[in-house]
Amino acid sequence: MLDKIAKVVSRYDEIERQMTDPVILADHVKLTDLAQERSDLQPLVEAYHQYQTKSQELADAREMVELEEDSDMIALAEEEINHLADQLEQLEEQMRRLLIPKDPRDDKNVYIEIRAGAGGDEAGIFAADLLRMYARYAETHKWKTEIVDESATGVGGYNKVTMAVKGKGAYSRFKFESGVHRVQRVPTTESQGRIHTSTATVAVMPEVEDVEITLDERDLEITSTFSSGPGGQHMQKNATAARIVHKPSGLSVKIQSERSLMQNKQLGMAIIQARLQEMEEAKQHEALAADRKSQVGTGERSEKIRTYNYPQSRVTDHRIGFTSHNLQAVIDGDLDPFIDALTIADQAEKLAAVEE
C-alpha cells in the first residue's frame, strides 16, 4: 500500500512543479485541470505526511524506552507508544479509503431508462411503479426529474420510459440500480388470485458532458414529427417532436418534452450519446467479469438484482443479500438503506483490491 501511496505523492509533487511553470500558468485550461487533480490527491498526500511524522515519533519513543533508566519516563514513553500506534492504525485505514479511485461520474446527472420485461401488461405496470419509486427518491434528495421519452401501454404502464434526474451526486446514488428487477404479486387483472412474476429492466446512464463518445451526424437519421399527448392546438400544429436513429447501432429515441424542435434534437442526441457510452463501458465490464465476480454486480441485464415480493411485503437485493420487510416504504422511495448497503459492499471490494 505504501508503495502505491509513494507514487501518488510523486505525482502530487510533479503537479506542484508544473503549476509554477510559466508555460502552464499561461494555459488556463491546463492549469485548471492540474489544480483539480492536485485537489483530488491532496487529502491522501496530507495523510501520508502525517503517517510519516507519527512513524518517526513512534520510533523515537521506542528508542527512549530502550535507553531510558528512569521508570517514570519509561511509563510515559510506553503510554505515548500506545497512543501513536492507535493514530497510525487510524491513518492507515484513512489512506486505504483514500486510495480507492473515485468514480469521476459520481456527481453527474443521469438518465434512468426502464423497460417492461417478461409479464405482459403487469410488467408494464411494474415499470411505472419503478418510475414512481425513483421519482420519489429523487424528490427526497431535492433533485429535478423530467420524463424525456416514453412509450405507454394503455393500461397505466410503460413499454419503455426514460427519466432525466438532475442534481449533484445523482449518479453516485442511482448507479447500483442497473439490472433486472423482479416483482411477485397478484395482478389486478387476475381473477383467480394467483401470484405472477414479472420483470422490468433498469439502465442508469450518466449524462455525457465531457464527451467521451462523439456522434457523427452522418450516422444519424433525424426526423421531426407531431408531438402527442397534452398541449392543445400549439402542439398539434407544429412538428416539434424529434426522432433520432443512430444507424450504426440501431439505437433510437423520440423526444417531445421540450417546446422547440431544436431543443428536442439536442436532448435526443444527448441520450443517444449516453447510451453509446454505457454500451462501451459494458464491453469493458465483460472482460473484468471473466476474472472475478463482483459482489455488488456489474449491472448486466441478465442478472436479477432485486425482488419485490408483495404477499410477504419483502424486498431483497440478491447481490448483497440485503432485505427489507417494508415493501410499501421502498416502493414509496425509501431506497437509502439499499443504496447505503450497496455502497459499503462496493467500497469493501475496492479496499480488498487496494490491499492486493
Protein backbone atom coordinates (compact mmCIF):
# COMPACT_ATOMS: atom_id res chain seq x y z
CA MET A 1 0.00 0.00 0.00
CA LEU A 2 2.77 2.44 0.90
CA ASP A 3 4.41 1.89 -2.48
CA LYS A 4 1.15 2.90 -4.19
CA ILE A 5 0.90 5.99 -2.00
CA ALA A 6 4.50 6.94 -2.77
CA LYS A 7 3.57 7.05 -6.48
CA VAL A 8 0.64 9.34 -5.68
CA VAL A 9 2.94 11.64 -3.67
CA SER A 10 5.41 11.68 -6.57
CA ARG A 11 2.61 12.70 -8.93
CA TYR A 12 1.46 15.39 -6.48
CA ASP A 13 4.98 16.85 -6.32
CA GLU A 14 5.19 16.82 -10.10
CA ILE A 15 1.91 18.75 -10.33
CA GLU A 16 3.24 21.30 -7.86
CA ARG A 17 6.29 21.81 -10.07
CA GLN A 18 4.23 22.09 -13.25
CA MET A 19 1.97 24.71 -11.72
CA THR A 20 4.95 27.06 -11.30
CA ASP A 21 5.93 26.67 -14.97
CA PRO A 22 5.24 29.95 -16.86
CA VAL A 23 4.02 27.97 -19.87
CA ILE A 24 1.41 26.18 -17.72
CA LEU A 25 0.45 29.40 -15.95
CA ALA A 26 -0.39 30.90 -19.33
CA ASP A 27 -2.62 27.94 -20.24
CA HIS A 28 -5.83 28.43 -18.25
CA VAL A 29 -7.38 25.09 -19.23
CA LYS A 30 -4.26 23.07 -18.35
CA LEU A 31 -3.80 24.99 -15.12
CA THR A 32 -7.40 24.33 -14.09
CA ASP A 33 -7.04 20.61 -14.82
CA LEU A 34 -3.85 20.39 -12.77
CA ALA A 35 -5.42 22.32 -9.89
CA GLN A 36 -8.35 19.88 -9.84
CA GLU A 37 -6.03 16.87 -9.90
CA ARG A 38 -3.95 18.36 -7.07
CA SER A 39 -7.11 18.96 -5.04
CA ASP A 40 -8.16 15.33 -5.54
CA LEU A 41 -4.76 13.98 -4.41
CA GLN A 42 -4.20 16.39 -1.51
CA PRO A 43 -6.12 14.52 1.25
CA LEU A 44 -4.11 11.33 0.63
CA VAL A 45 -0.79 13.21 0.47
CA GLU A 46 -1.52 15.04 3.73
CA ALA A 47 -2.49 11.79 5.45
CA TYR A 48 0.74 10.18 4.22
CA HIS A 49 2.84 13.06 5.59
CA GLN A 50 1.09 12.71 8.95
CA TYR A 51 1.78 8.98 8.83
CA GLN A 52 5.49 9.59 8.24
CA THR A 53 5.64 12.08 11.12
CA LYS A 54 3.85 9.75 13.54
CA SER A 55 6.03 6.82 12.44
CA GLN A 56 9.17 8.79 13.31
CA GLU A 57 7.68 9.83 16.66
CA LEU A 58 6.90 6.16 17.40
CA ALA A 59 10.46 5.13 16.55
CA ASP A 60 11.79 7.86 18.85
CA ALA A 61 9.52 6.76 21.70
CA ARG A 62 10.62 3.14 21.38
CA GLU A 63 14.26 4.20 21.38
CA MET A 64 13.61 6.17 24.58
CA VAL A 65 12.21 3.08 26.28
CA GLU A 66 15.37 1.15 25.37
CA LEU A 67 17.78 3.86 26.55
CA GLU A 68 15.88 5.44 29.48
CA GLU A 69 16.57 4.25 33.01
CA ASP A 70 14.02 6.36 34.89
CA SER A 71 10.86 4.26 35.44
CA ASP A 72 8.51 7.25 35.29
CA MET A 73 9.94 8.34 31.95
CA ILE A 74 9.67 4.80 30.63
CA ALA A 75 6.00 4.68 31.66
CA LEU A 76 5.32 7.97 29.87
CA ALA A 77 7.10 6.73 26.75
CA GLU A 78 5.12 3.48 26.73
CA GLU A 79 1.89 5.43 27.06
CA GLU A 80 2.96 7.57 24.11
CA ILE A 81 3.81 4.43 22.11
CA ASN A 82 0.28 3.06 22.59
CA HIS A 83 -1.24 6.42 21.62
CA LEU A 84 0.92 6.72 18.48
CA ALA A 85 0.19 3.12 17.46
CA ASP A 86 -3.56 3.87 17.57
CA GLN A 87 -3.06 7.02 15.49
CA LEU A 88 -1.02 5.14 12.90
CA GLU A 89 -3.70 2.45 12.63
CA GLN A 90 -6.34 5.11 12.01
CA LEU A 91 -4.16 6.83 9.41
CA GLU A 92 -3.59 3.52 7.61
CA GLU A 93 -7.34 2.95 7.38
CA GLN A 94 -7.83 6.51 6.16
CA MET A 95 -5.18 6.08 3.47
CA ARG A 96 -6.70 2.78 2.31
CA ARG A 97 -10.03 4.50 1.75
CA LEU A 98 -8.41 7.48 0.03
CA LEU A 99 -6.63 5.10 -2.34
CA ILE A 100 -9.97 3.89 -3.67
CA PRO A 101 -10.32 5.61 -7.03
CA LYS A 102 -13.29 7.96 -7.10
CA ASP A 103 -15.71 7.40 -9.94
CA PRO A 104 -15.46 10.68 -11.91
CA ARG A 105 -19.09 10.27 -12.95
CA ASP A 106 -20.49 10.22 -9.41
CA ASP A 107 -21.59 13.86 -9.40
CA LYS A 108 -23.22 13.72 -12.83
CA ASN A 109 -26.87 13.92 -13.79
CA VAL A 110 -28.39 10.65 -15.00
CA TYR A 111 -30.89 9.18 -17.42
CA ILE A 112 -32.86 6.25 -15.98
CA GLU A 113 -34.33 4.03 -18.66
CA ILE A 114 -36.94 1.48 -17.56
CA ARG A 115 -38.23 -1.22 -19.92
CA ALA A 116 -41.01 -3.73 -19.31
CA GLY A 117 -39.69 -7.29 -19.39
CA ALA A 118 -41.47 -10.63 -19.03
CA GLY A 119 -45.04 -10.50 -17.79
CA GLY A 120 -47.16 -8.67 -20.35
CA ASP A 121 -49.30 -5.79 -19.07
CA GLU A 122 -48.21 -6.47 -15.48
CA ALA A 123 -44.56 -5.89 -16.48
CA GLY A 124 -45.55 -2.51 -17.91
CA ILE A 125 -47.38 -1.59 -14.71
CA PHE A 126 -44.34 -2.63 -12.70
CA ALA A 127 -42.18 -0.39 -14.92
CA ALA A 128 -44.50 2.50 -13.97
CA ASP A 129 -44.13 1.58 -10.27
CA LEU A 130 -40.34 1.71 -10.56
CA LEU A 131 -40.54 5.09 -12.31
CA ARG A 132 -42.65 6.45 -9.45
CA MET A 133 -40.25 4.94 -6.89
CA TYR A 134 -37.23 6.63 -8.47
CA ALA A 135 -39.06 9.93 -8.89
CA ARG A 136 -39.99 9.95 -5.20
CA TYR A 137 -36.44 9.04 -4.18
CA ALA A 138 -35.09 11.90 -6.31
CA GLU A 139 -37.61 14.23 -4.67
CA THR A 140 -36.28 13.39 -1.19
CA HIS A 141 -32.83 14.50 -2.39
CA LYS A 142 -34.27 17.66 -3.98
CA TRP A 143 -33.19 16.59 -7.47
CA LYS A 144 -35.17 17.65 -10.52
CA THR A 145 -36.82 14.96 -12.66
CA GLU A 146 -38.29 15.01 -16.13
CA ILE A 147 -39.71 12.27 -18.35
CA VAL A 148 -37.92 12.71 -21.68
CA ASP A 149 -39.04 9.62 -23.59
CA GLU A 150 -41.98 7.27 -23.07
CA SER A 151 -43.98 4.51 -24.70
CA ALA A 152 -47.15 3.83 -22.72
CA THR A 153 -49.04 0.51 -22.68
CA GLY A 154 -52.51 1.98 -22.36
CA VAL A 155 -53.23 0.20 -19.07
CA GLY A 156 -51.34 2.57 -16.82
CA GLY A 157 -47.92 1.16 -17.60
CA TYR A 158 -44.94 1.62 -19.92
CA ASN A 159 -43.23 -0.47 -22.53
CA LYS A 160 -40.31 1.93 -22.06
CA VAL A 161 -39.80 5.19 -20.23
CA THR A 162 -36.73 7.38 -19.73
CA MET A 163 -36.46 9.90 -16.91
CA ALA A 164 -33.75 12.54 -16.50
CA VAL A 165 -32.58 13.21 -12.94
CA LYS A 166 -30.59 16.39 -12.44
CA GLY A 167 -28.66 17.08 -9.25
CA LYS A 168 -25.19 16.81 -7.76
CA GLY A 169 -24.43 13.21 -6.80
CA ALA A 170 -27.35 11.66 -8.71
CA TYR A 171 -25.22 9.03 -10.44
CA SER A 172 -23.46 8.04 -7.21
CA ARG A 173 -26.83 7.04 -5.71
CA PHE A 174 -28.58 5.56 -8.74
CA LYS A 175 -25.70 3.66 -10.35
CA PHE A 176 -26.38 0.44 -8.45
CA GLU A 177 -29.96 0.23 -9.79
CA SER A 178 -28.97 -1.07 -13.24
CA GLY A 179 -30.20 -4.58 -13.89
CA VAL A 180 -33.32 -6.73 -13.88
CA HIS A 181 -35.91 -6.01 -11.17
CA ARG A 182 -38.47 -8.71 -10.43
CA VAL A 183 -41.93 -8.37 -8.88
CA GLN A 184 -44.08 -11.13 -7.37
CA ARG A 185 -47.72 -10.19 -6.75
CA VAL A 186 -51.33 -10.78 -7.74
CA PRO A 187 -52.11 -8.56 -10.76
CA THR A 188 -55.30 -6.51 -10.63
CA THR A 189 -56.44 -8.37 -13.75
CA GLU A 190 -56.02 -11.79 -12.12
CA SER A 191 -59.42 -13.20 -11.13
CA GLN A 192 -58.06 -16.41 -9.57
CA GLY A 193 -55.81 -14.62 -7.06
CA ARG A 194 -52.67 -16.28 -8.39
CA ILE A 195 -49.26 -14.71 -7.84
CA HIS A 196 -47.49 -13.72 -11.04
CA THR A 197 -43.79 -12.97 -11.54
CA SER A 198 -42.91 -10.10 -13.87
CA THR A 199 -39.73 -8.21 -14.63
CA ALA A 200 -38.52 -4.80 -15.71
CA THR A 201 -35.04 -3.76 -16.80
CA VAL A 202 -33.40 -0.60 -15.46
CA ALA A 203 -30.45 1.13 -17.14
CA VAL A 204 -28.77 4.06 -15.40
CA MET A 205 -26.68 6.23 -17.73
CA PRO A 206 -24.61 9.22 -16.59
CA GLU A 207 -25.07 12.36 -18.62
CA VAL A 208 -22.16 12.79 -21.01
CA GLU A 209 -20.74 16.28 -20.55
CA ASP A 210 -17.05 15.99 -21.40
CA VAL A 211 -17.86 13.84 -24.38
CA GLU A 212 -16.03 10.51 -24.47
CA ILE A 213 -18.30 9.21 -27.25
CA THR A 214 -18.67 11.55 -30.22
CA LEU A 215 -21.53 11.47 -32.70
CA ASP A 216 -21.03 11.76 -36.44
CA GLU A 217 -24.10 13.46 -37.90
CA ARG A 218 -23.76 11.26 -40.96
CA ASP A 219 -24.60 8.32 -38.70
CA LEU A 220 -27.83 9.96 -37.51
CA GLU A 221 -31.27 9.88 -39.10
CA ILE A 222 -33.23 12.81 -37.65
CA THR A 223 -36.89 13.35 -38.41
CA SER A 224 -39.48 15.70 -36.96
CA THR A 225 -42.95 14.51 -36.03
CA PHE A 226 -46.03 15.91 -34.31
CA SER A 227 -45.94 15.73 -30.53
CA SER A 228 -48.56 13.58 -28.85
CA GLY A 229 -50.31 13.98 -25.55
CA PRO A 230 -51.45 17.18 -23.84
CA GLY A 231 -50.51 20.53 -25.31
CA GLY A 232 -53.53 21.93 -27.13
CA GLN A 233 -53.59 23.41 -30.59
CA HIS A 234 -50.00 24.65 -30.47
CA MET A 235 -48.67 21.12 -30.04
CA GLN A 236 -50.92 19.75 -32.79
CA LYS A 237 -49.98 22.30 -35.46
CA ASN A 238 -46.18 22.25 -35.04
CA ALA A 239 -43.87 19.29 -35.66
CA THR A 240 -41.78 19.79 -32.55
CA ALA A 241 -41.01 16.18 -31.61
CA ALA A 242 -37.67 14.79 -32.76
CA ARG A 243 -36.99 11.15 -33.63
CA ILE A 244 -33.31 10.26 -33.86
CA VAL A 245 -31.90 6.94 -35.09
CA HIS A 246 -28.21 6.10 -34.69
CA LYS A 247 -27.78 3.93 -37.77
CA PRO A 248 -24.59 2.02 -36.82
CA SER A 249 -26.05 0.76 -33.51
CA GLY A 250 -29.77 0.86 -34.29
CA LEU A 251 -30.44 2.94 -31.17
CA SER A 252 -33.42 5.27 -31.47
CA VAL A 253 -35.16 7.86 -29.33
CA LYS A 254 -38.16 10.12 -29.71
CA ILE A 255 -38.16 13.32 -27.64
CA GLN A 256 -41.12 15.63 -27.23
CA SER A 257 -40.61 17.07 -23.75
CA GLU A 258 -39.21 20.43 -24.92
CA ARG A 259 -41.12 23.21 -26.69
CA SER A 260 -38.93 23.53 -29.77
CA LEU A 261 -37.67 21.05 -32.33
CA MET A 262 -34.07 22.16 -31.82
CA GLN A 263 -34.25 21.56 -28.05
CA ASN A 264 -35.73 18.11 -28.59
CA LYS A 265 -32.99 17.28 -31.11
CA GLN A 266 -30.27 18.33 -28.66
CA LEU A 267 -31.79 16.29 -25.81
CA GLY A 268 -32.27 13.28 -28.06
CA MET A 269 -28.62 13.38 -29.18
CA ALA A 270 -27.51 13.64 -25.55
CA ILE A 271 -29.47 10.48 -24.69
CA ILE A 272 -28.06 8.59 -27.71
CA GLN A 273 -24.60 9.66 -26.59
CA ALA A 274 -25.20 8.41 -23.04
CA ARG A 275 -26.48 5.06 -24.30
CA LEU A 276 -23.47 4.57 -26.56
CA GLN A 277 -21.18 5.42 -23.65
CA GLU A 278 -22.93 2.83 -21.47
CA MET A 279 -22.58 0.18 -24.20
CA GLU A 280 -18.86 0.87 -24.49
CA GLU A 281 -18.39 0.59 -20.73
CA ALA A 282 -20.42 -2.65 -20.66
CA LYS A 283 -17.86 -4.20 -23.05
CA GLN A 284 -15.10 -3.33 -20.59
CA HIS A 285 -17.08 -4.83 -17.69
CA GLU A 286 -17.46 -8.12 -19.57
CA ALA A 287 -13.68 -8.55 -19.72
CA LEU A 288 -13.35 -7.87 -15.99
CA ALA A 289 -16.22 -10.22 -15.10
CA ALA A 290 -14.29 -13.15 -16.56
CA ASP A 291 -11.54 -12.67 -13.97
CA ARG A 292 -13.61 -12.07 -10.85
CA LYS A 293 -17.25 -11.91 -9.90
CA SER A 294 -18.17 -8.68 -8.21
CA GLN A 295 -20.17 -8.93 -5.01
CA VAL A 296 -22.17 -5.88 -5.99
CA GLY A 297 -22.55 -6.97 -9.60
CA THR A 298 -21.84 -5.37 -12.93
CA GLY A 299 -25.39 -4.34 -13.74
CA GLU A 300 -25.60 -6.83 -16.63
CA ARG A 301 -29.15 -7.21 -17.90
CA SER A 302 -29.19 -10.97 -17.29
CA GLU A 303 -28.83 -10.51 -13.53
CA LYS A 304 -31.96 -10.38 -11.39
CA ILE A 305 -30.65 -7.88 -8.89
CA ARG A 306 -33.74 -7.32 -6.74
CA THR A 307 -37.11 -8.95 -5.98
CA TYR A 308 -40.21 -7.12 -4.75
CA ASN A 309 -42.49 -9.71 -3.09
CA TYR A 310 -45.87 -8.14 -2.33
CA PRO A 311 -47.59 -11.02 -0.46
CA GLN A 312 -44.76 -11.07 2.10
CA SER A 313 -44.07 -7.29 1.97
CA ARG A 314 -40.43 -8.14 1.30
CA VAL A 315 -37.77 -6.56 -0.91
CA THR A 316 -34.49 -8.46 -1.34
CA ASP A 317 -31.35 -7.33 -3.12
CA HIS A 318 -29.72 -10.56 -4.31
CA ARG A 319 -26.26 -9.07 -4.85
CA ILE A 320 -25.62 -8.47 -1.17
CA GLY A 321 -28.42 -10.46 0.50
CA PHE A 322 -29.99 -7.33 1.96
CA THR A 323 -33.72 -7.50 2.78
CA SER A 324 -36.37 -5.01 3.85
CA HIS A 325 -39.73 -6.15 5.21
CA ASN A 326 -41.40 -2.83 4.49
CA LEU A 327 -42.11 -3.10 0.77
CA GLN A 328 -44.51 -0.17 0.64
CA ALA A 329 -41.89 2.21 2.07
CA VAL A 330 -39.39 1.07 -0.57
CA ILE A 331 -41.90 1.49 -3.41
CA ASP A 332 -42.63 4.96 -2.00
CA GLY A 333 -38.97 5.90 -2.49
CA ASP A 334 -37.18 4.76 0.68
CA LEU A 335 -34.15 3.39 -1.17
CA ASP A 336 -31.35 4.76 1.03
CA PRO A 337 -30.95 1.56 3.15
CA PHE A 338 -30.36 -0.47 -0.03
CA ILE A 339 -28.11 2.10 -1.68
CA ASP A 340 -26.07 2.60 1.51
CA ALA A 341 -25.56 -1.17 1.87
CA LEU A 342 -24.54 -1.50 -1.79
CA THR A 343 -22.12 1.42 -1.46
CA ILE A 344 -20.48 -0.17 1.60
CA ALA A 345 -20.16 -3.52 -0.19
CA ASP A 346 -18.65 -1.81 -3.22
CA GLN A 347 -16.11 0.05 -1.07
CA ALA A 348 -15.18 -3.15 0.77
CA GLU A 349 -14.46 -4.87 -2.53
CA LYS A 350 -12.35 -1.96 -3.75
CA LEU A 351 -10.45 -1.88 -0.45
CA ALA A 352 -9.58 -5.54 -0.91
CA ALA A 353 -8.25 -4.74 -4.38
CA VAL A 354 -6.12 -1.90 -2.96
CA GLU A 355 -4.53 -4.30 -0.48
CA GLU A 356 -3.70 -6.97 -3.08
